[in-house]
Amino acid sequence: MSHTSYTCLGGGHGLYQTLTAARVAGASPINAVVTVADDGGSSGRLRREMEIVPPGDLRMALAALTSEGDGGSMWRDTLQHRFGGHGAMAGHALGNLLITGLAERLGDTQAALDQVAAWTGSAGRVIPVCPQPLDIEADVAGLDDDPRVLRSVRGQVAVATTPGAVRRVRLTPAQPAASEAAVRAILDADVVTIGPGSWFSSVIPHILVPEIAQALNDTDARVVVILNLSPEAGETHGFTTERHIHVFSQHAPQLKVDYFLADEHTATSAGERDNIARAAARLNAQVVFAPLREVGEDGTALNRHDPQQLAAALQALRPAR
């Protein structure tokens, strides 16, 4: 039986749901290519103290891929365990410390991630998008009395929580080298997903890495951008689905994308859907609407992708290249 290989780009909870969907789809192998710009919380502290790639999003991806069964469940809980209290350990996730300690011991973050993957019976490989940490800088409107004035805001947390409107983001360093393993994972995949997640701070930064953008254009894989279910407070407040696609294409106008995948309830009028299709056409992409949203036990729609529905939607996409 031949398997479909997935490479999933993103970070945080959005990537966790996509990796879970890839598992539901029976993908093998699964590669997670993970953002390395986090500068808040436990990750930010470890990044500053140890001068390493921030481990939090890497840990989340490892947790999504632990083996089935009780052993995998125990590993997932262990990786995600967060220390309480008010001392030096307070707020640190155990998985972050494990990755950091192994990276120091083995002299290499990728070796550390591969070791944790081996211990946890991982369904795939977790790869930092770049071998060194990155910083995000954004041009933000609305922080000045004059709404036309753009202010520069630096740092993932600052960008994600700004009360202003983010217009554009860039990376520091400006053209970072990608992890060779990340490039290879994109080139070798059958399906590549980008998103969902914090649009300006964990989705768009991937396509600003030149070798990643080149690999996305060179791969024979279906390249699918999974759109967010709703705008996020802070960086994309008030954004329509069309605006999400527009800013994505603004940051990488030469990128080849096959599909934008949106929840069926994101845009209900024909006019809205036409505008969304036009925005996607700038990247020669099609828009597919499908039921993607998780529903709670009480029938309430949640702001989270349902892995079963997402897997079904991804499997239904035809090869487009």
C-alpha atoms as a PDB file:
ATOM      1  CA  MET A   1       0.000   0.000   0.000  1.00  0.00           C
ATOM      2  CA  SER A   2       1.484   3.357  -1.025  1.00  0.00           C
ATOM      3  CA  HIS A   3       1.253   6.237   1.431  1.00  0.00           C
ATOM      4  CA  THR A   4       0.924   9.955   0.770  1.00  0.00           C
ATOM      5  CA  SER A   5       3.688  12.016   2.368  1.00  0.00           C
ATOM      6  CA  TYR A   6       2.759  15.302   4.045  1.00  0.00           C
ATOM      7  CA  THR A   7       5.000  18.226   4.941  1.00  0.00           C
ATOM      8  CA  CYS A   8       3.197  20.738   7.166  1.00  0.00           C
ATOM      9  CA  LEU A   9       4.474  24.301   7.646  1.00  0.00           C
ATOM     10  CA  GLY A  10       3.367  26.433  10.584  1.00  0.00           C
ATOM     11  CA  GLY A  11       3.555  26.708  14.340  1.00  0.00           C
ATOM     12  CA  GLY A  12       1.566  26.512  17.561  1.00  0.00           C
ATOM     13  CA  HIS A  13      -1.985  25.177  17.827  1.00  0.00           C
ATOM     14  CA  GLY A  14      -2.719  25.529  14.108  1.00  0.00           C
ATOM     15  CA  LEU A  15       0.164  23.230  13.174  1.00  0.00           C
ATOM     16  CA  TYR A  16      -0.882  20.795  15.926  1.00  0.00           C
ATOM     17  CA  GLN A  17      -4.327  20.420  14.298  1.00  0.00           C
ATOM     18  CA  THR A  18      -2.838  20.030  10.807  1.00  0.00           C
ATOM     19  CA  LEU A  19      -0.403  17.339  11.952  1.00  0.00           C
ATOM     20  CA  THR A  20      -3.276  15.536  13.673  1.00  0.00           C
ATOM     21  CA  ALA A  21      -5.226  15.737  10.398  1.00  0.00           C
ATOM     22  CA  ALA A  22      -2.233  14.342   8.469  1.00  0.00           C
ATOM     23  CA  ARG A  23      -2.242  11.361  10.841  1.00  0.00           C
ATOM     24  CA  VAL A  24      -5.983  10.860  10.339  1.00  0.00           C
ATOM     25  CA  ALA A  25      -5.344  10.922   6.570  1.00  0.00           C
ATOM     26  CA  GLY A  26      -2.858   8.059   7.016  1.00  0.00           C
ATOM     27  CA  ALA A  27       0.040  10.161   5.730  1.00  0.00           C
ATOM     28  CA  SER A  28       3.516   8.661   5.856  1.00  0.00           C
ATOM     29  CA  PRO A  29       5.996  10.116   6.310  1.00  0.00           C
ATOM     30  CA  ILE A  30       4.846  13.310   8.023  1.00  0.00           C
ATOM     31  CA  ASN A  31       7.254  16.221   8.343  1.00  0.00           C
ATOM     32  CA  ALA A  32       6.580  19.326  10.420  1.00  0.00           C
ATOM     33  CA  VAL A  33       8.513  22.425   9.315  1.00  0.00           C
ATOM     34  CA  VAL A  34       8.225  24.763  12.265  1.00  0.00           C
ATOM     35  CA  THR A  35       8.546  28.504  12.848  1.00  0.00           C
ATOM     36  CA  VAL A  36      11.536  29.673  14.936  1.00  0.00           C
ATOM     37  CA  ALA A  37      10.613  33.289  15.748  1.00  0.00           C
ATOM     38  CA  ASP A  38       8.852  32.864  19.117  1.00  0.00           C
ATOM     39  CA  ASP A  39      10.244  35.218  21.756  1.00  0.00           C
ATOM     40  CA  GLY A  40       7.652  34.907  24.529  1.00  0.00           C
ATOM     41  CA  GLY A  41       7.056  32.714  27.576  1.00  0.00           C
ATOM     42  CA  SER A  42       9.191  29.658  28.245  1.00  0.00           C
ATOM     43  CA  SER A  43      10.541  29.639  24.666  1.00  0.00           C
ATOM     44  CA  GLY A  44      11.606  33.270  24.857  1.00  0.00           C
ATOM     45  CA  ARG A  45      13.384  32.738  28.180  1.00  0.00           C
ATOM     46  CA  LEU A  46      15.287  29.694  26.905  1.00  0.00           C
ATOM     47  CA  ARG A  47      16.114  31.445  23.643  1.00  0.00           C
ATOM     48  CA  ARG A  48      17.641  34.402  25.498  1.00  0.00           C
ATOM     49  CA  GLU A  49      19.454  32.370  28.162  1.00  0.00           C
ATOM     50  CA  MET A  50      20.750  29.518  26.001  1.00  0.00           C
ATOM     51  CA  GLU A  51      20.960  31.190  22.570  1.00  0.00           C
ATOM     52  CA  ILE A  52      19.021  28.369  20.922  1.00  0.00           C
ATOM     53  CA  VAL A  53      16.136  28.047  18.492  1.00  0.00           C
ATOM     54  CA  PRO A  54      12.950  28.632  20.553  1.00  0.00           C
ATOM     55  CA  PRO A  55      11.645  25.142  21.411  1.00  0.00           C
ATOM     56  CA  GLY A  56       7.931  25.741  22.154  1.00  0.00           C
ATOM     57  CA  ASP A  57       6.461  25.280  18.671  1.00  0.00           C
ATOM     58  CA  LEU A  58       8.845  22.357  18.058  1.00  0.00           C
ATOM     59  CA  ARG A  59       7.582  20.728  21.273  1.00  0.00           C
ATOM     60  CA  MET A  60       3.948  21.191  20.216  1.00  0.00           C
ATOM     61  CA  ALA A  61       4.665  19.466  16.896  1.00  0.00           C
ATOM     62  CA  LEU A  62       6.410  16.557  18.664  1.00  0.00           C
ATOM     63  CA  ALA A  63       3.406  16.236  20.982  1.00  0.00           C
ATOM     64  CA  ALA A  64       1.058  16.032  17.977  1.00  0.00           C
ATOM     65  CA  LEU A  65       3.083  13.165  16.511  1.00  0.00           C
ATOM     66  CA  THR A  66       3.639  10.882  19.551  1.00  0.00           C
ATOM     67  CA  SER A  67       2.790   7.217  19.038  1.00  0.00           C
ATOM     68  CA  GLU A  68      -0.755   5.883  19.376  1.00  0.00           C
ATOM     69  CA  GLY A  69      -1.731   4.199  22.636  1.00  0.00           C
ATOM     70  CA  ASP A  70      -1.009   4.766  26.311  1.00  0.00           C
ATOM     71  CA  GLY A  71       2.744   5.224  25.895  1.00  0.00           C
ATOM     72  CA  GLY A  72       2.253   7.973  23.329  1.00  0.00           C
ATOM     73  CA  SER A  73      -0.407   9.611  25.460  1.00  0.00           C
ATOM     74  CA  MET A  74       1.969   9.636  28.440  1.00  0.00           C
ATOM     75  CA  TRP A  75       4.728  11.186  26.299  1.00  0.00           C
ATOM     76  CA  ARG A  76       2.336  13.823  24.952  1.00  0.00           C
ATOM     77  CA  ASP A  77       1.284  14.834  28.470  1.00  0.00           C
ATOM     78  CA  THR A  78       4.928  14.819  29.594  1.00  0.00           C
ATOM     79  CA  LEU A  79       6.112  17.053  26.757  1.00  0.00           C
ATOM     80  CA  GLN A  80       3.225  19.484  27.357  1.00  0.00           C
ATOM     81  CA  HIS A  81       3.536  19.508  31.183  1.00  0.00           C
ATOM     82  CA  ARG A  82       4.095  23.044  32.435  1.00  0.00           C
ATOM     83  CA  PHE A  83       5.636  23.820  35.834  1.00  0.00           C
ATOM     84  CA  GLY A  84       3.574  25.903  38.237  1.00  0.00           C
ATOM     85  CA  GLY A  85       4.594  27.997  41.213  1.00  0.00           C
ATOM     86  CA  HIS A  86       6.553  31.240  41.275  1.00  0.00           C
ATOM     87  CA  GLY A  87      10.173  30.098  41.159  1.00  0.00           C
ATOM     88  CA  ALA A  88      12.737  29.884  38.375  1.00  0.00           C
ATOM     89  CA  MET A  89      10.976  26.908  36.786  1.00  0.00           C
ATOM     90  CA  ALA A  90       7.506  28.462  36.792  1.00  0.00           C
ATOM     91  CA  GLY A  91       5.953  28.566  33.322  1.00  0.00           C
ATOM     92  CA  HIS A  92       8.522  26.324  31.653  1.00  0.00           C
ATOM     93  CA  ALA A  93       7.173  23.383  29.636  1.00  0.00           C
ATOM     94  CA  LEU A  94       8.983  20.129  30.404  1.00  0.00           C
ATOM     95  CA  GLY A  95       9.335  19.373  26.684  1.00  0.00           C
ATOM     96  CA  ASN A  96      11.073  22.722  26.124  1.00  0.00           C
ATOM     97  CA  LEU A  97      13.660  21.847  28.766  1.00  0.00           C
ATOM     98  CA  LEU A  98      14.127  18.352  27.329  1.00  0.00           C
ATOM     99  CA  ILE A  99      14.779  19.695  23.816  1.00  0.00           C
ATOM    100  CA  THR A 100      17.104  22.404  25.139  1.00  0.00           C
ATOM    101  CA  GLY A 101      19.087  19.992  27.316  1.00  0.00           C
ATOM    102  CA  LEU A 102      19.446  17.438  24.514  1.00  0.00           C
ATOM    103  CA  ALA A 103      20.482  20.142  22.025  1.00  0.00           C
ATOM    104  CA  GLU A 104      23.227  21.217  24.426  1.00  0.00           C
ATOM    105  CA  ARG A 105      24.263  17.600  25.044  1.00  0.00           C
ATOM    106  CA  LEU A 106      24.251  16.575  21.352  1.00  0.00           C
ATOM    107  CA  GLY A 107      25.426  19.929  19.992  1.00  0.00           C
ATOM    108  CA  ASP A 108      22.565  20.142  17.482  1.00  0.00           C
ATOM    109  CA  THR A 109      18.861  21.002  17.736  1.00  0.00           C
ATOM    110  CA  GLN A 110      17.838  18.694  14.890  1.00  0.00           C
ATOM    111  CA  ALA A 111      19.632  15.763  16.542  1.00  0.00           C
ATOM    112  CA  ALA A 112      17.792  16.574  19.780  1.00  0.00           C
ATOM    113  CA  LEU A 113      14.406  16.631  18.019  1.00  0.00           C
ATOM    114  CA  ASP A 114      15.150  13.354  16.236  1.00  0.00           C
ATOM    115  CA  GLN A 115      16.094  11.758  19.560  1.00  0.00           C
ATOM    116  CA  VAL A 116      12.839  12.849  21.225  1.00  0.00           C
ATOM    117  CA  ALA A 117      10.965  11.584  18.143  1.00  0.00           C
ATOM    118  CA  ALA A 118      12.646   8.186  18.550  1.00  0.00           C
ATOM    119  CA  TRP A 119      11.739   8.012  22.249  1.00  0.00           C
ATOM    120  CA  THR A 120       8.113   9.017  21.641  1.00  0.00           C
ATOM    121  CA  GLY A 121       7.528   6.659  18.699  1.00  0.00           C
ATOM    122  CA  SER A 122       6.812   9.718  16.575  1.00  0.00           C
ATOM    123  CA  ALA A 123       4.691   9.447  13.427  1.00  0.00           C
ATOM    124  CA  GLY A 124       6.998  11.953  11.751  1.00  0.00           C
ATOM    125  CA  ARG A 125       9.946  14.320  11.904  1.00  0.00           C
ATOM    126  CA  VAL A 126       9.981  17.828  13.378  1.00  0.00           C
ATOM    127  CA  ILE A 127      12.301  20.277  11.599  1.00  0.00           C
ATOM    128  CA  PRO A 128      13.031  23.942  12.451  1.00  0.00           C
ATOM    129  CA  VAL A 129      12.483  26.056   9.320  1.00  0.00           C
ATOM    130  CA  CYS A 130      15.891  27.683   9.917  1.00  0.00           C
ATOM    131  CA  PRO A 131      18.818  26.442  11.988  1.00  0.00           C
ATOM    132  CA  GLN A 132      19.022  29.738  13.905  1.00  0.00           C
ATOM    133  CA  PRO A 133      16.331  31.782  15.683  1.00  0.00           C
ATOM    134  CA  LEU A 134      14.654  34.567  13.710  1.00  0.00           C
ATOM    135  CA  ASP A 135      13.064  37.871  14.674  1.00  0.00           C
ATOM    136  CA  ILE A 136       9.908  39.304  13.133  1.00  0.00           C
ATOM    137  CA  GLU A 137       9.537  43.017  12.510  1.00  0.00           C
ATOM    138  CA  ALA A 138       6.234  44.535  11.396  1.00  0.00           C
ATOM    139  CA  ASP A 139       5.037  47.843   9.955  1.00  0.00           C
ATOM    140  CA  VAL A 140       1.965  48.713  12.002  1.00  0.00           C
ATOM    141  CA  ALA A 141      -0.630  51.435  11.416  1.00  0.00           C
ATOM    142  CA  GLY A 142      -2.898  52.942  14.061  1.00  0.00           C
ATOM    143  CA  LEU A 143      -0.294  53.378  16.809  1.00  0.00           C
ATOM    144  CA  ASP A 144      -0.012  57.109  16.074  1.00  0.00           C
ATOM    145  CA  ASP A 145      -2.519  59.953  16.016  1.00  0.00           C
ATOM    146  CA  ASP A 146      -2.090  60.022  12.242  1.00  0.00           C
ATOM    147  CA  PRO A 147      -3.470  56.686  10.903  1.00  0.00           C
ATOM    148  CA  ARG A 148      -1.191  56.953   7.836  1.00  0.00           C
ATOM    149  CA  VAL A 149       1.957  56.738   9.960  1.00  0.00           C
ATOM    150  CA  LEU A 150       3.529  53.277  10.143  1.00  0.00           C
ATOM    151  CA  ARG A 151       5.462  52.304  13.245  1.00  0.00           C
ATOM    152  CA  SER A 152       7.953  49.438  13.390  1.00  0.00           C
ATOM    153  CA  VAL A 153       7.149  46.734  15.958  1.00  0.00           C
ATOM    154  CA  ARG A 154       9.701  44.009  16.644  1.00  0.00           C
ATOM    155  CA  GLY A 155       9.266  40.537  18.120  1.00  0.00           C
ATOM    156  CA  GLN A 156       6.722  37.759  17.632  1.00  0.00           C
ATOM    157  CA  VAL A 157       4.785  38.513  20.827  1.00  0.00           C
ATOM    158  CA  ALA A 158       4.706  42.261  20.110  1.00  0.00           C
ATOM    159  CA  VAL A 159       3.470  41.668  16.555  1.00  0.00           C
ATOM    160  CA  ALA A 160       0.858  39.088  17.625  1.00  0.00           C
ATOM    161  CA  THR A 161      -0.589  41.377  20.312  1.00  0.00           C
ATOM    162  CA  THR A 162      -0.294  44.832  18.747  1.00  0.00           C
ATOM    163  CA  PRO A 163      -3.417  46.998  19.073  1.00  0.00           C
ATOM    164  CA  GLY A 164      -2.574  48.481  15.646  1.00  0.00           C
ATOM    165  CA  ALA A 165      -3.111  47.040  12.168  1.00  0.00           C
ATOM    166  CA  VAL A 166      -0.189  45.046  10.777  1.00  0.00           C
ATOM    167  CA  ARG A 167       0.555  46.017   7.169  1.00  0.00           C
ATOM    168  CA  ARG A 168       3.697  44.006   6.408  1.00  0.00           C
ATOM    169  CA  VAL A 169       6.253  41.801   8.175  1.00  0.00           C
ATOM    170  CA  ARG A 170       9.908  41.037   7.489  1.00  0.00           C
ATOM    171  CA  LEU A 171      12.530  38.782   9.029  1.00  0.00           C
ATOM    172  CA  THR A 172      15.758  39.609  10.818  1.00  0.00           C
ATOM    173  CA  PRO A 173      18.154  38.486   9.435  1.00  0.00           C
ATOM    174  CA  ALA A 174      16.477  39.471   6.172  1.00  0.00           C
ATOM    175  CA  GLN A 175      17.339  36.429   4.018  1.00  0.00           C
ATOM    176  CA  PRO A 176      18.088  33.608   6.445  1.00  0.00           C
ATOM    177  CA  ALA A 177      19.348  30.220   5.310  1.00  0.00           C
ATOM    178  CA  ALA A 178      16.751  27.467   5.577  1.00  0.00           C
ATOM    179  CA  SER A 179      17.363  24.129   7.258  1.00  0.00           C
ATOM    180  CA  GLU A 180      18.470  21.708   4.530  1.00  0.00           C
ATOM    181  CA  ALA A 181      16.113  19.108   5.994  1.00  0.00           C
ATOM    182  CA  ALA A 182      13.179  21.547   5.658  1.00  0.00           C
ATOM    183  CA  VAL A 183      13.920  22.151   1.974  1.00  0.00           C
ATOM    184  CA  ARG A 184      14.253  18.407   1.342  1.00  0.00           C
ATOM    185  CA  ALA A 185      10.979  17.684   3.180  1.00  0.00           C
ATOM    186  CA  ILE A 186       9.112  20.136   0.906  1.00  0.00           C
ATOM    187  CA  LEU A 187      10.705  18.787  -2.287  1.00  0.00           C
ATOM    188  CA  ASP A 188       9.992  15.147  -1.372  1.00  0.00           C
ATOM    189  CA  ALA A 189       6.362  15.591  -0.226  1.00  0.00           C
ATOM    190  CA  ASP A 190       3.144  14.675  -2.019  1.00  0.00           C
ATOM    191  CA  VAL A 191       1.186  17.332  -0.100  1.00  0.00           C
ATOM    192  CA  VAL A 192       2.548  20.512   1.504  1.00  0.00           C
ATOM    193  CA  THR A 193       0.301  22.481   3.857  1.00  0.00           C
ATOM    194  CA  ILE A 194       0.888  26.050   5.057  1.00  0.00           C
ATOM    195  CA  GLY A 195      -1.105  27.254   8.078  1.00  0.00           C
ATOM    196  CA  PRO A 196      -3.449  27.776   9.776  1.00  0.00           C
ATOM    197  CA  GLY A 197      -2.090  29.922  12.588  1.00  0.00           C
ATOM    198  CA  SER A 198      -1.087  33.446  13.537  1.00  0.00           C
ATOM    199  CA  TRP A 199      -0.939  34.844  10.016  1.00  0.00           C
ATOM    200  CA  PHE A 200       1.854  37.401  10.369  1.00  0.00           C
ATOM    201  CA  SER A 201       3.895  35.653  13.043  1.00  0.00           C
ATOM    202  CA  SER A 202       3.776  31.915  12.267  1.00  0.00           C
ATOM    203  CA  VAL A 203       2.441  31.480   8.696  1.00  0.00           C
ATOM    204  CA  ILE A 204       3.863  34.248   6.474  1.00  0.00           C
ATOM    205  CA  PRO A 205       7.423  34.084   7.968  1.00  0.00           C
ATOM    206  CA  HIS A 206       7.918  30.678   6.293  1.00  0.00           C
ATOM    207  CA  ILE A 207       7.438  32.125   2.811  1.00  0.00           C
ATOM    208  CA  LEU A 208       9.895  34.959   3.572  1.00  0.00           C
ATOM    209  CA  VAL A 209      12.764  32.434   3.811  1.00  0.00           C
ATOM    210  CA  PRO A 210      14.106  32.443   0.210  1.00  0.00           C
ATOM    211  CA  GLU A 211      15.037  28.750   0.033  1.00  0.00           C
ATOM    212  CA  ILE A 212      11.634  27.736   1.431  1.00  0.00           C
ATOM    213  CA  ALA A 213       9.789  29.861  -1.155  1.00  0.00           C
ATOM    214  CA  GLN A 214      11.987  28.349  -3.892  1.00  0.00           C
ATOM    215  CA  ALA A 215      11.322  24.805  -2.654  1.00  0.00           C
ATOM    216  CA  LEU A 216       7.567  25.487  -2.650  1.00  0.00           C
ATOM    217  CA  ASN A 217       7.837  26.551  -6.295  1.00  0.00           C
ATOM    218  CA  ASP A 218      10.051  23.599  -7.248  1.00  0.00           C
ATOM    219  CA  THR A 219       8.143  20.806  -5.514  1.00  0.00           C
ATOM    220  CA  ASP A 220       5.747  18.511  -7.363  1.00  0.00           C
ATOM    221  CA  ALA A 221       3.580  18.396  -4.229  1.00  0.00           C
ATOM    222  CA  ARG A 222       0.114  19.890  -3.963  1.00  0.00           C
ATOM    223  CA  VAL A 223       0.683  23.147  -2.044  1.00  0.00           C
ATOM    224  CA  VAL A 224      -2.346  23.954   0.125  1.00  0.00           C
ATOM    225  CA  VAL A 225      -2.741  27.075   2.274  1.00  0.00           C
ATOM    226  CA  ILE A 226      -5.205  26.359   5.088  1.00  0.00           C
ATOM    227  CA  LEU A 227      -6.987  29.587   5.944  1.00  0.00           C
ATOM    228  CA  ASN A 228      -7.849  30.627   9.479  1.00  0.00           C
ATOM    229  CA  LEU A 229     -11.430  30.184  10.643  1.00  0.00           C
ATOM    230  CA  SER A 230     -11.642  33.756  11.921  1.00  0.00           C
ATOM    231  CA  PRO A 231      -9.523  36.887  12.404  1.00  0.00           C
ATOM    232  CA  GLU A 232      -7.281  36.923  15.473  1.00  0.00           C
ATOM    233  CA  ALA A 233      -7.369  39.665  18.069  1.00  0.00           C
ATOM    234  CA  GLY A 234      -4.276  41.777  17.537  1.00  0.00           C
ATOM    235  CA  GLU A 235      -2.493  41.071  14.286  1.00  0.00           C
ATOM    236  CA  THR A 236      -5.446  40.258  11.970  1.00  0.00           C
ATOM    237  CA  HIS A 237      -8.337  41.976  13.777  1.00  0.00           C
ATOM    238  CA  GLY A 238     -11.147  42.639  11.301  1.00  0.00           C
ATOM    239  CA  PHE A 239      -9.522  40.689   8.459  1.00  0.00           C
ATOM    240  CA  THR A 240     -11.792  39.021   5.921  1.00  0.00           C
ATOM    241  CA  THR A 241     -10.810  35.745   4.243  1.00  0.00           C
ATOM    242  CA  GLU A 242     -10.022  37.774   1.119  1.00  0.00           C
ATOM    243  CA  ARG A 243      -7.679  40.014   3.124  1.00  0.00           C
ATOM    244  CA  HIS A 244      -5.844  36.974   4.560  1.00  0.00           C
ATOM    245  CA  ILE A 245      -5.146  35.765   1.009  1.00  0.00           C
ATOM    246  CA  HIS A 246      -4.234  39.264  -0.197  1.00  0.00           C
ATOM    247  CA  VAL A 247      -1.556  39.853   2.461  1.00  0.00           C
ATOM    248  CA  PHE A 248      -0.207  36.325   1.935  1.00  0.00           C
ATOM    249  CA  SER A 249       0.277  36.998  -1.787  1.00  0.00           C
ATOM    250  CA  GLN A 250       1.701  40.474  -1.102  1.00  0.00           C
ATOM    251  CA  HIS A 251       4.543  38.910   0.864  1.00  0.00           C
ATOM    252  CA  ALA A 252       5.384  36.324  -1.811  1.00  0.00           C
ATOM    253  CA  PRO A 253       3.897  37.453  -5.133  1.00  0.00           C
ATOM    254  CA  GLN A 254       5.875  34.867  -7.145  1.00  0.00           C
ATOM    255  CA  LEU A 255       4.836  31.903  -5.009  1.00  0.00           C
ATOM    256  CA  LYS A 256       2.999  28.995  -6.641  1.00  0.00           C
ATOM    257  CA  VAL A 257       0.049  27.795  -4.566  1.00  0.00           C
ATOM    258  CA  ASP A 258      -2.424  25.179  -5.779  1.00  0.00           C
ATOM    259  CA  TYR A 259      -5.249  25.615  -3.271  1.00  0.00           C
ATOM    260  CA  PHE A 260      -6.518  27.882  -0.527  1.00  0.00           C
ATOM    261  CA  LEU A 261      -8.707  25.786   1.770  1.00  0.00           C
ATOM    262  CA  ALA A 262     -11.454  27.678   3.610  1.00  0.00           C
ATOM    263  CA  ASP A 263     -14.282  26.679   5.914  1.00  0.00           C
ATOM    264  CA  GLU A 264     -17.647  26.567   4.152  1.00  0.00           C
ATOM    265  CA  HIS A 265     -19.106  29.174   6.537  1.00  0.00           C
ATOM    266  CA  THR A 266     -16.331  31.750   6.064  1.00  0.00           C
ATOM    267  CA  ALA A 267     -18.044  33.467   3.165  1.00  0.00           C
ATOM    268  CA  THR A 268     -21.663  32.816   2.351  1.00  0.00           C
ATOM    269  CA  SER A 269     -22.520  35.284  -0.427  1.00  0.00           C
ATOM    270  CA  ALA A 270     -21.591  34.694  -4.074  1.00  0.00           C
ATOM    271  CA  GLY A 271     -20.001  38.160  -4.190  1.00  0.00           C
ATOM    272  CA  GLU A 272     -17.701  37.388  -1.265  1.00  0.00           C
ATOM    273  CA  ARG A 273     -16.687  34.092  -2.808  1.00  0.00           C
ATOM    274  CA  ASP A 274     -15.935  35.782  -6.146  1.00  0.00           C
ATOM    275  CA  ASN A 275     -13.666  38.284  -4.385  1.00  0.00           C
ATOM    276  CA  ILE A 276     -11.889  35.451  -2.550  1.00  0.00           C
ATOM    277  CA  ALA A 277     -11.412  33.545  -5.826  1.00  0.00           C
ATOM    278  CA  ARG A 278      -9.955  36.663  -7.484  1.00  0.00           C
ATOM    279  CA  ALA A 279      -7.507  37.162  -4.600  1.00  0.00           C
ATOM    280  CA  ALA A 280      -6.375  33.519  -4.878  1.00  0.00           C
ATOM    281  CA  ALA A 281      -5.999  33.801  -8.669  1.00  0.00           C
ATOM    282  CA  ARG A 282      -3.102  36.224  -8.117  1.00  0.00           C
ATOM    283  CA  LEU A 283      -1.109  33.133  -7.085  1.00  0.00           C
ATOM    284  CA  ASN A 284      -2.790  30.966  -9.753  1.00  0.00           C
ATOM    285  CA  ALA A 285      -4.569  29.121  -6.955  1.00  0.00           C
ATOM    286  CA  GLN A 286      -8.086  27.758  -6.574  1.00  0.00           C
ATOM    287  CA  VAL A 287     -10.217  28.241  -3.464  1.00  0.00           C
ATOM    288  CA  VAL A 288     -11.986  25.216  -2.031  1.00  0.00           C
ATOM    289  CA  PHE A 289     -14.708  25.585   0.617  1.00  0.00           C
ATOM    290  CA  ALA A 290     -15.349  22.611   2.887  1.00  0.00           C
ATOM    291  CA  PRO A 291     -16.673  21.909   6.410  1.00  0.00           C
ATOM    292  CA  LEU A 292     -13.556  22.325   8.555  1.00  0.00           C
ATOM    293  CA  ARG A 293     -14.667  23.684  11.926  1.00  0.00           C
ATOM    294  CA  GLU A 294     -14.723  21.576  15.070  1.00  0.00           C
ATOM    295  CA  VAL A 295     -18.089  21.438  16.848  1.00  0.00           C
ATOM    296  CA  GLY A 296     -18.387  21.046  20.619  1.00  0.00           C
ATOM    297  CA  GLU A 297     -20.532  18.432  22.342  1.00  0.00           C
ATOM    298  CA  ASP A 298     -23.240  21.052  22.826  1.00  0.00           C
ATOM    299  CA  GLY A 299     -23.286  21.786  19.081  1.00  0.00           C
ATOM    300  CA  THR A 300     -21.412  25.075  19.385  1.00  0.00           C
ATOM    301  CA  ALA A 301     -18.952  25.800  16.572  1.00  0.00           C
ATOM    302  CA  LEU A 302     -15.401  26.130  17.953  1.00  0.00           C
ATOM    303  CA  ASN A 303     -12.612  28.310  16.595  1.00  0.00           C
ATOM    304  CA  ARG A 304     -10.497  25.245  15.808  1.00  0.00           C
ATOM    305  CA  HIS A 305     -10.078  23.003  12.781  1.00  0.00           C
ATOM    306  CA  ASP A 306     -11.540  19.520  13.120  1.00  0.00           C
ATOM    307  CA  PRO A 307      -8.778  17.020  12.203  1.00  0.00           C
ATOM    308  CA  GLN A 308     -11.237  14.519  10.690  1.00  0.00           C
ATOM    309  CA  GLN A 309     -12.890  17.128   8.480  1.00  0.00           C
ATOM    310  CA  LEU A 310      -9.561  18.715   7.558  1.00  0.00           C
ATOM    311  CA  ALA A 311      -8.119  15.318   6.609  1.00  0.00           C
ATOM    312  CA  ALA A 312     -11.145  14.592   4.406  1.00  0.00           C
ATOM    313  CA  ALA A 313     -10.871  17.991   2.697  1.00  0.00           C
ATOM    314  CA  LEU A 314      -7.132  17.567   2.032  1.00  0.00           C
ATOM    315  CA  GLN A 315      -7.646  14.046   0.647  1.00  0.00           C
ATOM    316  CA  ALA A 316     -10.372  15.301  -1.701  1.00  0.00           C
ATOM    317  CA  LEU A 317      -8.058  17.820  -3.428  1.00  0.00           C
ATOM    318  CA  ARG A 318      -6.872  16.693  -6.830  1.00  0.00           C
ATOM    319  CA  PRO A 319      -3.227  16.968  -7.867  1.00  0.00           C
ATOM    320  CA  ALA A 320      -3.020  20.385  -9.474  1.00  0.00           C
ATOM    321  CA  ARG A 321       0.420  20.382 -11.092  1.00  0.00           C
END
